[in-house]
Amino acid sequence: MNEFEIKYRSTELPFVTLKLAQTLDGNIATCTGDSKWITSKTSRVRGHQLRAEADAILVGRGTVMTDDPELSVRYVDGCSPTKIVLDSQLKIGLNAKIFGGAPLIIATTEEMCRKRIKDRKKKGAQVWQLPIRNGQIDLKAVLQKAALSGLRHILIEGGSRVAASALRLSLVDRIAAFVAPKILGAGIPSIGSLNITSITDAIALENVKVESIGNDFLFTARVKNRPKTSEQPCLPAL
């Protein structure tokens, strides 16, 4: 039995890898939102290998609306994973690239208008209507539904609010952080606020491995078990 199945049987949740691609000072974009490209082509190839190893890739609406990504596997051999996008207001345009390629799941709220849902289903997407937790789509509910659908390994790839939500709710098992030797100063952080006020409350990592990839570094680590906490409504809804 692999670790993904073990995680599901013990928690009814998928195994979650949080992927980050950031500067040395922890930013994923400049203060104006420019993010292409922080890491090298070699790191992006390795990132696509992570995609090929996952059952699904999960991002927030902001990532899609800013970058219009395909969220596909292109630089390595392998199948593109199912795409899960958090979009509480179904604001992503119907011409976005995510509507092509691998299956698309859009997670939205239980109150979302039927016409918007119908329009996205016509484009081939599945639409999951899920509860709200503190003003945001309940990320744990998304992951539970994904696991029930057979998606046992989820790669979270963006953005900072989604990363923070997953960490605050203790949903992340592994982190893969690509770090480029660049400094931006003020910018958009790779992880949003975790409401941590004491160093003793910091999320600890273990089994840390560091690998040189061209001029970049890849840090992989497991998240140590910690008590689950309630997510605070400090960020706008996805």
C-alpha atoms as a PDB file:
ATOM      1  CA  MET A   1       0.000   0.000   0.000  1.00  0.00           C
ATOM      2  CA  ASN A   2       1.502   3.390  -0.990  1.00  0.00           C
ATOM      3  CA  GLU A   3       1.591   6.471   1.224  1.00  0.00           C
ATOM      4  CA  PHE A   4      -1.278   8.092  -0.662  1.00  0.00           C
ATOM      5  CA  GLU A   5      -3.621   5.204   0.075  1.00  0.00           C
ATOM      6  CA  ILE A   6      -2.433   5.037   3.679  1.00  0.00           C
ATOM      7  CA  LYS A   7      -3.216   8.736   4.125  1.00  0.00           C
ATOM      8  CA  TYR A   8      -6.700   8.279   2.649  1.00  0.00           C
ATOM      9  CA  ARG A   9      -7.554   5.237   4.753  1.00  0.00           C
ATOM     10  CA  SER A  10      -6.466   6.911   7.971  1.00  0.00           C
ATOM     11  CA  THR A  11      -7.939  10.388   7.354  1.00  0.00           C
ATOM     12  CA  GLU A  12     -10.227  10.178   4.283  1.00  0.00           C
ATOM     13  CA  LEU A  13      -8.072  12.946   2.828  1.00  0.00           C
ATOM     14  CA  PRO A  14      -5.597  12.930  -0.061  1.00  0.00           C
ATOM     15  CA  PHE A  15      -1.848  13.239   0.343  1.00  0.00           C
ATOM     16  CA  VAL A  16      -1.011  16.900  -0.326  1.00  0.00           C
ATOM     17  CA  THR A  17       2.209  18.312  -1.751  1.00  0.00           C
ATOM     18  CA  LEU A  18       2.564  22.098  -1.623  1.00  0.00           C
ATOM     19  CA  LYS A  19       4.800  23.343  -4.432  1.00  0.00           C
ATOM     20  CA  LEU A  20       6.404  26.777  -4.180  1.00  0.00           C
ATOM     21  CA  ALA A  21       8.563  28.642  -6.708  1.00  0.00           C
ATOM     22  CA  GLN A  22      10.057  31.690  -5.049  1.00  0.00           C
ATOM     23  CA  THR A  23      12.938  34.096  -4.674  1.00  0.00           C
ATOM     24  CA  LEU A  24      15.487  33.782  -1.884  1.00  0.00           C
ATOM     25  CA  ASP A  25      13.477  36.282   0.161  1.00  0.00           C
ATOM     26  CA  GLY A  26      10.254  34.308  -0.240  1.00  0.00           C
ATOM     27  CA  ASN A  27       8.387  36.138  -3.002  1.00  0.00           C
ATOM     28  CA  ILE A  28       6.449  34.611  -5.912  1.00  0.00           C
ATOM     29  CA  ALA A  29       6.023  37.918  -7.758  1.00  0.00           C
ATOM     30  CA  THR A  30       6.981  41.578  -7.651  1.00  0.00           C
ATOM     31  CA  CYS A  31       4.704  44.111  -6.000  1.00  0.00           C
ATOM     32  CA  THR A  32       3.140  44.697  -9.439  1.00  0.00           C
ATOM     33  CA  GLY A  33       2.412  40.993  -9.910  1.00  0.00           C
ATOM     34  CA  ASP A  34       5.168  40.177 -12.430  1.00  0.00           C
ATOM     35  CA  SER A  35       6.275  36.567 -11.890  1.00  0.00           C
ATOM     36  CA  LYS A  36       7.727  35.226 -15.165  1.00  0.00           C
ATOM     37  CA  TRP A  37      10.116  33.687 -14.659  1.00  0.00           C
ATOM     38  CA  ILE A  38      11.418  33.524 -11.099  1.00  0.00           C
ATOM     39  CA  THR A  39      12.952  30.072 -11.384  1.00  0.00           C
ATOM     40  CA  SER A  40      14.971  28.575 -14.221  1.00  0.00           C
ATOM     41  CA  LYS A  41      13.783  26.370 -17.065  1.00  0.00           C
ATOM     42  CA  THR A  42      15.463  23.440 -15.327  1.00  0.00           C
ATOM     43  CA  SER A  43      13.352  24.019 -12.220  1.00  0.00           C
ATOM     44  CA  ARG A  44      10.207  24.341 -14.319  1.00  0.00           C
ATOM     45  CA  VAL A  45      10.952  20.988 -15.930  1.00  0.00           C
ATOM     46  CA  ARG A  46      11.238  19.450 -12.467  1.00  0.00           C
ATOM     47  CA  GLY A  47       7.988  21.157 -11.500  1.00  0.00           C
ATOM     48  CA  HIS A  48       6.265  19.488 -14.429  1.00  0.00           C
ATOM     49  CA  GLN A  49       7.582  16.158 -13.171  1.00  0.00           C
ATOM     50  CA  LEU A  50       5.762  16.855  -9.905  1.00  0.00           C
ATOM     51  CA  ARG A  51       2.599  17.533 -11.904  1.00  0.00           C
ATOM     52  CA  ALA A  52       2.977  14.236 -13.752  1.00  0.00           C
ATOM     53  CA  GLU A  53       3.238  12.393 -10.419  1.00  0.00           C
ATOM     54  CA  ALA A  54       0.013  13.928  -9.029  1.00  0.00           C
ATOM     55  CA  ASP A  55      -3.601  12.914  -9.548  1.00  0.00           C
ATOM     56  CA  ALA A  56      -4.736  16.545  -9.455  1.00  0.00           C
ATOM     57  CA  ILE A  57      -3.311  20.042  -9.352  1.00  0.00           C
ATOM     58  CA  LEU A  58      -5.108  22.665  -7.245  1.00  0.00           C
ATOM     59  CA  VAL A  59      -4.936  26.454  -7.602  1.00  0.00           C
ATOM     60  CA  GLY A  60      -6.956  29.484  -6.647  1.00  0.00           C
ATOM     61  CA  ARG A  61      -8.882  31.803  -8.936  1.00  0.00           C
ATOM     62  CA  GLY A  62      -6.223  34.498  -8.679  1.00  0.00           C
ATOM     63  CA  THR A  63      -3.550  32.288 -10.238  1.00  0.00           C
ATOM     64  CA  VAL A  64      -5.790  31.518 -13.212  1.00  0.00           C
ATOM     65  CA  MET A  65      -6.906  35.103 -13.765  1.00  0.00           C
ATOM     66  CA  THR A  66      -3.359  36.479 -13.464  1.00  0.00           C
ATOM     67  CA  ASP A  67      -1.390  33.901 -15.470  1.00  0.00           C
ATOM     68  CA  ASP A  68      -4.030  32.090 -17.584  1.00  0.00           C
ATOM     69  CA  PRO A  69      -2.079  28.813 -17.146  1.00  0.00           C
ATOM     70  CA  GLU A  70      -2.758  25.508 -18.882  1.00  0.00           C
ATOM     71  CA  LEU A  71      -1.830  23.559 -15.735  1.00  0.00           C
ATOM     72  CA  SER A  72      -0.668  20.732 -17.975  1.00  0.00           C
ATOM     73  CA  VAL A  73       2.392  18.481 -18.223  1.00  0.00           C
ATOM     74  CA  ARG A  74       4.500  19.686 -21.126  1.00  0.00           C
ATOM     75  CA  TYR A  75       8.221  19.434 -20.358  1.00  0.00           C
ATOM     76  CA  VAL A  76       8.300  15.751 -19.388  1.00  0.00           C
ATOM     77  CA  ASP A  77       6.561  12.557 -20.400  1.00  0.00           C
ATOM     78  CA  GLY A  78       3.429  11.841 -18.415  1.00  0.00           C
ATOM     79  CA  CYS A  79      -0.275  12.512 -18.183  1.00  0.00           C
ATOM     80  CA  SER A  80      -1.602  15.910 -17.203  1.00  0.00           C
ATOM     81  CA  PRO A  81      -3.437  15.778 -13.862  1.00  0.00           C
ATOM     82  CA  THR A  82      -7.025  16.741 -13.224  1.00  0.00           C
ATOM     83  CA  LYS A  83      -7.301  20.473 -12.521  1.00  0.00           C
ATOM     84  CA  ILE A  84      -9.126  21.806  -9.450  1.00  0.00           C
ATOM     85  CA  VAL A  85      -9.725  25.552  -9.293  1.00  0.00           C
ATOM     86  CA  LEU A  86     -11.207  27.399  -6.314  1.00  0.00           C
ATOM     87  CA  ASP A  87     -13.571  30.064  -7.634  1.00  0.00           C
ATOM     88  CA  SER A  88     -16.209  31.116  -5.111  1.00  0.00           C
ATOM     89  CA  GLN A  89     -17.810  33.630  -7.483  1.00  0.00           C
ATOM     90  CA  LEU A  90     -17.203  31.841 -10.810  1.00  0.00           C
ATOM     91  CA  LYS A  91     -15.339  34.860 -12.143  1.00  0.00           C
ATOM     92  CA  ILE A  92     -12.877  32.972 -14.338  1.00  0.00           C
ATOM     93  CA  GLY A  93     -13.652  33.690 -18.001  1.00  0.00           C
ATOM     94  CA  LEU A  94     -15.010  30.926 -20.200  1.00  0.00           C
ATOM     95  CA  ASN A  95     -12.102  31.376 -22.635  1.00  0.00           C
ATOM     96  CA  ALA A  96      -9.434  30.585 -20.031  1.00  0.00           C
ATOM     97  CA  LYS A  97      -6.911  27.924 -21.044  1.00  0.00           C
ATOM     98  CA  ILE A  98      -7.863  25.682 -18.123  1.00  0.00           C
ATOM     99  CA  PHE A  99     -11.045  24.682 -19.974  1.00  0.00           C
ATOM    100  CA  GLY A 100      -8.901  22.699 -22.416  1.00  0.00           C
ATOM    101  CA  GLY A 101      -6.913  19.530 -21.874  1.00  0.00           C
ATOM    102  CA  ALA A 102      -7.273  17.375 -18.756  1.00  0.00           C
ATOM    103  CA  PRO A 103     -10.547  17.250 -16.787  1.00  0.00           C
ATOM    104  CA  LEU A 104     -11.411  20.452 -14.935  1.00  0.00           C
ATOM    105  CA  ILE A 105     -13.191  20.743 -11.588  1.00  0.00           C
ATOM    106  CA  ILE A 106     -14.308  24.158 -10.360  1.00  0.00           C
ATOM    107  CA  ALA A 107     -15.072  24.399  -6.658  1.00  0.00           C
ATOM    108  CA  THR A 108     -17.589  27.100  -5.819  1.00  0.00           C
ATOM    109  CA  THR A 109     -20.210  27.931  -3.200  1.00  0.00           C
ATOM    110  CA  GLU A 110     -23.552  26.282  -2.509  1.00  0.00           C
ATOM    111  CA  GLU A 111     -25.339  29.556  -3.306  1.00  0.00           C
ATOM    112  CA  MET A 112     -23.821  30.134  -6.735  1.00  0.00           C
ATOM    113  CA  CYS A 113     -26.241  31.084  -9.497  1.00  0.00           C
ATOM    114  CA  ARG A 114     -27.387  28.224 -11.737  1.00  0.00           C
ATOM    115  CA  LYS A 115     -26.695  30.017 -15.023  1.00  0.00           C
ATOM    116  CA  ARG A 116     -23.005  30.499 -14.237  1.00  0.00           C
ATOM    117  CA  ILE A 117     -22.734  26.856 -13.247  1.00  0.00           C
ATOM    118  CA  LYS A 118     -24.515  25.745 -16.407  1.00  0.00           C
ATOM    119  CA  ASP A 119     -22.222  27.860 -18.609  1.00  0.00           C
ATOM    120  CA  ARG A 120     -19.132  26.201 -17.143  1.00  0.00           C
ATOM    121  CA  LYS A 121     -20.585  22.725 -17.433  1.00  0.00           C
ATOM    122  CA  LYS A 122     -21.222  23.421 -21.118  1.00  0.00           C
ATOM    123  CA  LYS A 123     -17.479  24.050 -21.422  1.00  0.00           C
ATOM    124  CA  GLY A 124     -16.832  20.577 -20.019  1.00  0.00           C
ATOM    125  CA  ALA A 125     -16.056  21.434 -16.395  1.00  0.00           C
ATOM    126  CA  GLN A 126     -17.410  19.688 -13.346  1.00  0.00           C
ATOM    127  CA  VAL A 127     -18.709  22.144 -10.747  1.00  0.00           C
ATOM    128  CA  TRP A 128     -18.590  21.257  -7.070  1.00  0.00           C
ATOM    129  CA  GLN A 129     -20.789  23.352  -4.787  1.00  0.00           C
ATOM    130  CA  LEU A 130     -19.291  23.310  -1.322  1.00  0.00           C
ATOM    131  CA  PRO A 131     -19.709  25.066   2.027  1.00  0.00           C
ATOM    132  CA  ILE A 132     -17.931  28.236   3.112  1.00  0.00           C
ATOM    133  CA  ARG A 133     -15.490  28.381   6.023  1.00  0.00           C
ATOM    134  CA  ASN A 134     -14.789  31.875   7.366  1.00  0.00           C
ATOM    135  CA  GLY A 135     -15.593  33.541   4.050  1.00  0.00           C
ATOM    136  CA  GLN A 136     -13.679  31.070   1.862  1.00  0.00           C
ATOM    137  CA  ILE A 137     -14.512  27.803   0.153  1.00  0.00           C
ATOM    138  CA  ASP A 138     -13.923  25.051   2.703  1.00  0.00           C
ATOM    139  CA  LEU A 139     -10.608  23.666   1.474  1.00  0.00           C
ATOM    140  CA  LYS A 140     -10.892  20.562   3.616  1.00  0.00           C
ATOM    141  CA  ALA A 141     -14.275  19.799   2.014  1.00  0.00           C
ATOM    142  CA  VAL A 142     -12.680  20.199  -1.427  1.00  0.00           C
ATOM    143  CA  LEU A 143      -9.943  17.722  -0.535  1.00  0.00           C
ATOM    144  CA  GLN A 144     -12.387  15.250   0.988  1.00  0.00           C
ATOM    145  CA  LYS A 145     -14.486  15.272  -2.177  1.00  0.00           C
ATOM    146  CA  ALA A 146     -11.357  14.919  -4.299  1.00  0.00           C
ATOM    147  CA  ALA A 147     -10.262  11.860  -2.314  1.00  0.00           C
ATOM    148  CA  LEU A 148     -13.720  10.284  -2.670  1.00  0.00           C
ATOM    149  CA  SER A 149     -13.386  10.843  -6.421  1.00  0.00           C
ATOM    150  CA  GLY A 150     -10.178   8.812  -6.479  1.00  0.00           C
ATOM    151  CA  LEU A 151      -7.765  11.766  -6.464  1.00  0.00           C
ATOM    152  CA  ARG A 152      -5.393  10.611  -3.735  1.00  0.00           C
ATOM    153  CA  HIS A 153      -2.378  12.856  -4.416  1.00  0.00           C
ATOM    154  CA  ILE A 154      -3.010  16.595  -4.784  1.00  0.00           C
ATOM    155  CA  LEU A 155      -0.364  19.105  -5.851  1.00  0.00           C
ATOM    156  CA  ILE A 156      -1.185  22.613  -4.602  1.00  0.00           C
ATOM    157  CA  GLU A 157       0.544  25.052  -6.920  1.00  0.00           C
ATOM    158  CA  GLY A 158      -0.881  28.506  -6.260  1.00  0.00           C
ATOM    159  CA  GLY A 159      -1.282  31.063  -4.915  1.00  0.00           C
ATOM    160  CA  SER A 160      -0.224  32.457  -1.563  1.00  0.00           C
ATOM    161  CA  ARG A 161      -3.748  32.448  -0.077  1.00  0.00           C
ATOM    162  CA  VAL A 162      -4.356  28.825  -1.009  1.00  0.00           C
ATOM    163  CA  ALA A 163      -0.972  27.825   0.410  1.00  0.00           C
ATOM    164  CA  ALA A 164      -1.733  29.636   3.662  1.00  0.00           C
ATOM    165  CA  SER A 165      -5.185  28.064   3.945  1.00  0.00           C
ATOM    166  CA  ALA A 166      -3.803  24.558   3.472  1.00  0.00           C
ATOM    167  CA  LEU A 167      -1.070  25.107   6.054  1.00  0.00           C
ATOM    168  CA  ARG A 168      -3.340  26.752   8.618  1.00  0.00           C
ATOM    169  CA  LEU A 169      -5.728  23.794   8.398  1.00  0.00           C
ATOM    170  CA  SER A 170      -2.863  21.267   8.678  1.00  0.00           C
ATOM    171  CA  LEU A 171      -3.703  19.751   5.293  1.00  0.00           C
ATOM    172  CA  VAL A 172      -0.183  19.746   3.808  1.00  0.00           C
ATOM    173  CA  ASP A 173       1.979  16.613   4.041  1.00  0.00           C
ATOM    174  CA  ARG A 174       4.987  17.625   1.961  1.00  0.00           C
ATOM    175  CA  ILE A 175       6.526  20.853   0.701  1.00  0.00           C
ATOM    176  CA  ALA A 176       8.585  21.197  -2.482  1.00  0.00           C
ATOM    177  CA  ALA A 177      10.076  24.697  -2.629  1.00  0.00           C
ATOM    178  CA  PHE A 178      12.084  25.832  -5.650  1.00  0.00           C
ATOM    179  CA  VAL A 179      14.230  28.784  -4.572  1.00  0.00           C
ATOM    180  CA  ALA A 180      15.914  31.088  -7.091  1.00  0.00           C
ATOM    181  CA  PRO A 181      18.982  33.188  -6.170  1.00  0.00           C
ATOM    182  CA  LYS A 182      17.081  36.448  -6.592  1.00  0.00           C
ATOM    183  CA  ILE A 183      15.897  39.119  -4.163  1.00  0.00           C
ATOM    184  CA  LEU A 184      12.842  41.327  -4.704  1.00  0.00           C
ATOM    185  CA  GLY A 185      12.382  42.990  -1.342  1.00  0.00           C
ATOM    186  CA  ALA A 186       8.715  43.958  -1.112  1.00  0.00           C
ATOM    187  CA  GLY A 187       6.651  41.620  -3.251  1.00  0.00           C
ATOM    188  CA  ILE A 188       3.948  38.972  -3.110  1.00  0.00           C
ATOM    189  CA  PRO A 189       4.923  36.313  -0.560  1.00  0.00           C
ATOM    190  CA  SER A 190       4.783  32.633  -1.477  1.00  0.00           C
ATOM    191  CA  ILE A 191       2.637  31.956   1.606  1.00  0.00           C
ATOM    192  CA  GLY A 192       0.036  34.346   2.982  1.00  0.00           C
ATOM    193  CA  SER A 193      -0.566  35.121   6.632  1.00  0.00           C
ATOM    194  CA  LEU A 194      -0.629  32.158   8.997  1.00  0.00           C
ATOM    195  CA  ASN A 195      -1.597  34.302  11.997  1.00  0.00           C
ATOM    196  CA  ILE A 196       1.529  33.146  13.828  1.00  0.00           C
ATOM    197  CA  THR A 197       2.704  35.553  16.511  1.00  0.00           C
ATOM    198  CA  SER A 198       5.289  33.407  18.291  1.00  0.00           C
ATOM    199  CA  ILE A 199       8.287  31.560  16.884  1.00  0.00           C
ATOM    200  CA  THR A 200       7.329  28.579  19.040  1.00  0.00           C
ATOM    201  CA  ASP A 201       4.135  28.289  16.978  1.00  0.00           C
ATOM    202  CA  ALA A 202       5.955  28.147  13.641  1.00  0.00           C
ATOM    203  CA  ILE A 203       5.173  25.198  11.382  1.00  0.00           C
ATOM    204  CA  ALA A 204       8.116  22.831  11.694  1.00  0.00           C
ATOM    205  CA  LEU A 205       9.507  20.722   8.871  1.00  0.00           C
ATOM    206  CA  GLU A 206      11.417  17.443   8.999  1.00  0.00           C
ATOM    207  CA  ASN A 207      13.249  15.073   6.664  1.00  0.00           C
ATOM    208  CA  VAL A 208      14.579  18.105   4.819  1.00  0.00           C
ATOM    209  CA  LYS A 209      16.484  17.508   1.599  1.00  0.00           C
ATOM    210  CA  VAL A 210      18.254  20.143  -0.490  1.00  0.00           C
ATOM    211  CA  GLU A 211      19.081  19.656  -4.150  1.00  0.00           C
ATOM    212  CA  SER A 212      20.902  21.956  -6.538  1.00  0.00           C
ATOM    213  CA  ILE A 213      19.040  22.431  -9.821  1.00  0.00           C
ATOM    214  CA  GLY A 214      21.120  24.651 -12.063  1.00  0.00           C
ATOM    215  CA  ASN A 215      21.392  27.959 -10.207  1.00  0.00           C
ATOM    216  CA  ASP A 216      18.262  27.182  -8.158  1.00  0.00           C
ATOM    217  CA  PHE A 217      17.747  24.980  -5.116  1.00  0.00           C
ATOM    218  CA  LEU A 218      14.923  22.557  -4.414  1.00  0.00           C
ATOM    219  CA  PHE A 219      13.996  22.085  -0.769  1.00  0.00           C
ATOM    220  CA  THR A 220      11.748  19.120  -0.016  1.00  0.00           C
ATOM    221  CA  ALA A 221      10.473  18.348   3.454  1.00  0.00           C
ATOM    222  CA  ARG A 222       7.641  16.769   5.400  1.00  0.00           C
ATOM    223  CA  VAL A 223       5.397  18.890   7.580  1.00  0.00           C
ATOM    224  CA  LYS A 224       5.589  17.759  11.199  1.00  0.00           C
ATOM    225  CA  ASN A 225       2.307  16.819  12.795  1.00  0.00           C
ATOM    226  CA  ARG A 226       0.793  19.705  14.710  1.00  0.00           C
ATOM    227  CA  PRO A 227      -2.591  20.435  16.296  1.00  0.00           C
ATOM    228  CA  LYS A 228      -5.214  21.488  13.756  1.00  0.00           C
ATOM    229  CA  THR A 229      -6.328  25.096  14.127  1.00  0.00           C
ATOM    230  CA  SER A 230      -9.326  27.018  12.923  1.00  0.00           C
ATOM    231  CA  GLU A 231      -8.738  29.191   9.894  1.00  0.00           C
ATOM    232  CA  GLN A 232      -9.117  32.902  10.609  1.00  0.00           C
ATOM    233  CA  PRO A 233     -10.979  35.183   8.188  1.00  0.00           C
ATOM    234  CA  CYS A 234      -7.974  37.398   7.464  1.00  0.00           C
ATOM    235  CA  LEU A 235      -7.987  36.929   3.688  1.00  0.00           C
ATOM    236  CA  PRO A 236     -10.519  37.686   0.954  1.00  0.00           C
ATOM    237  CA  ALA A 237     -12.581  34.819  -0.469  1.00  0.00           C
ATOM    238  CA  LEU A 238     -11.204  32.777  -3.363  1.00  0.00           C
END
